[in-house]
């Protein structure tokens, strides 16, 4: 969630970079935050972005 302190929206690759992890771990983290309704998904495919609710 600290990513949102500096950016209004983030991408999967932003999460990978901050966590130092691979794609699968980043996707799972984003899915978990979506399920908890902490973030919203905007767009699809390569243009997918995530914003704080």
N, C-alpha and C. Protein backbone atom coordinates (compact mmCIF):
# COMPACT_ATOMS: atom_id res chain seq x y z
N UNK A 1 0.82 -1.20 0.00
CA UNK A 1 0.00 0.00 0.00
C UNK A 1 0.86 1.26 0.00
N UNK A 2 2.10 1.15 0.37
CA UNK A 2 2.98 2.32 0.37
C UNK A 2 3.20 2.87 -1.03
N UNK A 3 3.04 2.02 -2.02
CA UNK A 3 3.19 2.49 -3.40
C UNK A 3 2.22 3.63 -3.70
N UNK A 4 1.05 3.57 -3.09
CA UNK A 4 0.02 4.58 -3.35
C UNK A 4 0.35 5.92 -2.70
N UNK A 5 1.35 5.95 -1.83
CA UNK A 5 1.76 7.23 -1.24
C UNK A 5 2.46 8.11 -2.28
N UNK A 6 3.09 7.46 -3.26
CA UNK A 6 3.82 8.22 -4.28
C UNK A 6 3.13 8.20 -5.64
N UNK A 7 2.21 7.27 -5.85
CA UNK A 7 1.52 7.15 -7.13
C UNK A 7 0.02 7.05 -6.93
N UNK A 8 -0.73 7.59 -7.86
CA UNK A 8 -2.19 7.49 -7.79
C UNK A 8 -2.67 6.12 -8.25
N UNK A 9 -1.91 5.52 -9.17
CA UNK A 9 -2.24 4.18 -9.66
C UNK A 9 -0.96 3.38 -9.83
N UNK A 10 -1.09 2.05 -9.68
CA UNK A 10 0.08 1.19 -9.80
C UNK A 10 -0.19 0.08 -10.80
N UNK A 11 0.86 -0.60 -11.19
CA UNK A 11 0.75 -1.74 -12.10
C UNK A 11 1.33 -2.98 -11.41
N UNK A 12 1.13 -4.12 -12.01
CA UNK A 12 1.69 -5.36 -11.48
C UNK A 12 3.20 -5.27 -11.41
N UNK A 13 3.80 -4.70 -12.43
CA UNK A 13 5.26 -4.60 -12.45
C UNK A 13 5.78 -3.69 -11.34
N UNK A 14 5.00 -2.68 -10.95
CA UNK A 14 5.38 -1.84 -9.80
C UNK A 14 5.46 -2.70 -8.54
N UNK A 15 4.48 -3.56 -8.36
CA UNK A 15 4.43 -4.43 -7.19
C UNK A 15 5.62 -5.40 -7.21
N UNK A 16 5.91 -5.98 -8.36
CA UNK A 16 7.05 -6.89 -8.50
C UNK A 16 8.34 -6.19 -8.10
N UNK A 17 8.52 -4.99 -8.58
CA UNK A 17 9.75 -4.22 -8.32
C UNK A 17 9.92 -3.94 -6.83
N UNK A 18 8.85 -3.50 -6.18
CA UNK A 18 8.92 -3.15 -4.76
C UNK A 18 9.14 -4.40 -3.89
N UNK A 19 8.45 -5.49 -4.23
CA UNK A 19 8.56 -6.70 -3.43
C UNK A 19 9.81 -7.51 -3.79
N UNK A 20 10.37 -7.25 -4.96
CA UNK A 20 11.50 -8.05 -5.40
C UNK A 20 11.09 -9.48 -5.69
N UNK A 21 9.86 -9.64 -6.15
CA UNK A 21 9.32 -10.97 -6.40
C UNK A 21 8.94 -11.14 -7.86
N UNK A 22 8.46 -12.33 -8.18
CA UNK A 22 8.05 -12.63 -9.54
C UNK A 22 6.61 -12.26 -9.81
N UNK A 23 6.20 -12.52 -11.03
CA UNK A 23 4.86 -12.18 -11.50
C UNK A 23 3.77 -12.87 -10.68
N UNK A 24 3.92 -14.15 -10.42
CA UNK A 24 2.89 -14.90 -9.71
C UNK A 24 2.62 -14.33 -8.33
N UNK A 25 3.66 -14.02 -7.60
CA UNK A 25 3.50 -13.47 -6.25
C UNK A 25 2.82 -12.09 -6.33
N UNK A 26 3.22 -11.27 -7.27
CA UNK A 26 2.62 -9.94 -7.42
C UNK A 26 1.13 -10.06 -7.75
N UNK A 27 0.79 -10.96 -8.65
CA UNK A 27 -0.62 -11.16 -9.03
C UNK A 27 -1.42 -11.61 -7.82
N UNK A 28 -0.88 -12.54 -7.04
CA UNK A 28 -1.59 -13.02 -5.86
C UNK A 28 -1.80 -11.91 -4.84
N UNK A 29 -0.81 -11.06 -4.66
CA UNK A 29 -0.94 -9.93 -3.73
C UNK A 29 -2.04 -8.97 -4.20
N UNK A 30 -2.04 -8.68 -5.50
CA UNK A 30 -3.07 -7.77 -6.04
C UNK A 30 -4.46 -8.39 -5.92
N UNK A 31 -4.59 -9.69 -6.20
CA UNK A 31 -5.88 -10.37 -6.06
C UNK A 31 -6.39 -10.30 -4.63
N UNK A 32 -5.48 -10.49 -3.69
CA UNK A 32 -5.85 -10.44 -2.28
C UNK A 32 -6.36 -9.05 -1.90
N UNK A 33 -5.67 -8.02 -2.37
CA UNK A 33 -6.10 -6.65 -2.08
C UNK A 33 -7.43 -6.33 -2.77
N UNK A 34 -7.65 -6.89 -3.96
CA UNK A 34 -8.93 -6.69 -4.65
C UNK A 34 -10.07 -7.36 -3.87
N UNK A 35 -9.82 -8.58 -3.38
CA UNK A 35 -10.84 -9.32 -2.63
C UNK A 35 -11.20 -8.60 -1.34
N UNK A 36 -10.22 -7.95 -0.71
CA UNK A 36 -10.46 -7.20 0.53
C UNK A 36 -11.01 -5.81 0.24
N UNK A 37 -11.20 -5.52 -1.05
CA UNK A 37 -11.74 -4.23 -1.52
C UNK A 37 -10.89 -3.04 -1.07
N UNK A 38 -9.57 -3.24 -1.02
CA UNK A 38 -8.65 -2.15 -0.70
C UNK A 38 -8.31 -1.35 -1.95
N UNK A 39 -8.36 -2.02 -3.11
CA UNK A 39 -8.02 -1.39 -4.38
C UNK A 39 -9.08 -1.74 -5.42
N UNK A 40 -9.07 -0.99 -6.52
CA UNK A 40 -9.95 -1.26 -7.66
C UNK A 40 -9.10 -1.48 -8.90
N UNK A 41 -9.57 -2.34 -9.79
CA UNK A 41 -8.87 -2.64 -11.03
C UNK A 41 -9.43 -1.76 -12.14
N UNK A 42 -8.54 -1.14 -12.90
CA UNK A 42 -8.95 -0.28 -14.01
C UNK A 42 -8.28 -0.79 -15.28
N UNK A 43 -9.07 -1.06 -16.31
CA UNK A 43 -8.52 -1.55 -17.56
C UNK A 43 -8.32 -3.06 -17.55
N UNK A 44 -7.68 -3.55 -18.63
CA UNK A 44 -7.41 -4.97 -18.73
C UNK A 44 -6.18 -5.21 -19.58
N UNK A 45 -5.65 -6.41 -19.49
CA UNK A 45 -4.46 -6.76 -20.26
C UNK A 45 -3.25 -5.96 -19.83
N UNK A 46 -2.44 -5.56 -20.79
CA UNK A 46 -1.22 -4.82 -20.49
C UNK A 46 -1.50 -3.43 -19.91
N UNK A 47 -2.69 -2.94 -20.09
CA UNK A 47 -3.04 -1.59 -19.61
C UNK A 47 -3.70 -1.60 -18.22
N UNK A 48 -3.70 -2.74 -17.55
CA UNK A 48 -4.33 -2.83 -16.23
C UNK A 48 -3.60 -1.96 -15.21
N UNK A 49 -4.38 -1.19 -14.48
CA UNK A 49 -3.86 -0.34 -13.41
C UNK A 49 -4.71 -0.61 -12.16
N UNK A 50 -4.16 -0.30 -11.01
CA UNK A 50 -4.87 -0.48 -9.76
C UNK A 50 -4.85 0.83 -8.99
N UNK A 51 -6.00 1.20 -8.43
CA UNK A 51 -6.14 2.45 -7.69
C UNK A 51 -6.74 2.16 -6.32
N UNK A 52 -6.46 3.03 -5.35
CA UNK A 52 -7.01 2.88 -4.00
C UNK A 52 -8.48 3.25 -4.05
N UNK A 53 -9.30 2.49 -3.33
CA UNK A 53 -10.73 2.81 -3.26
C UNK A 53 -10.97 3.97 -2.34
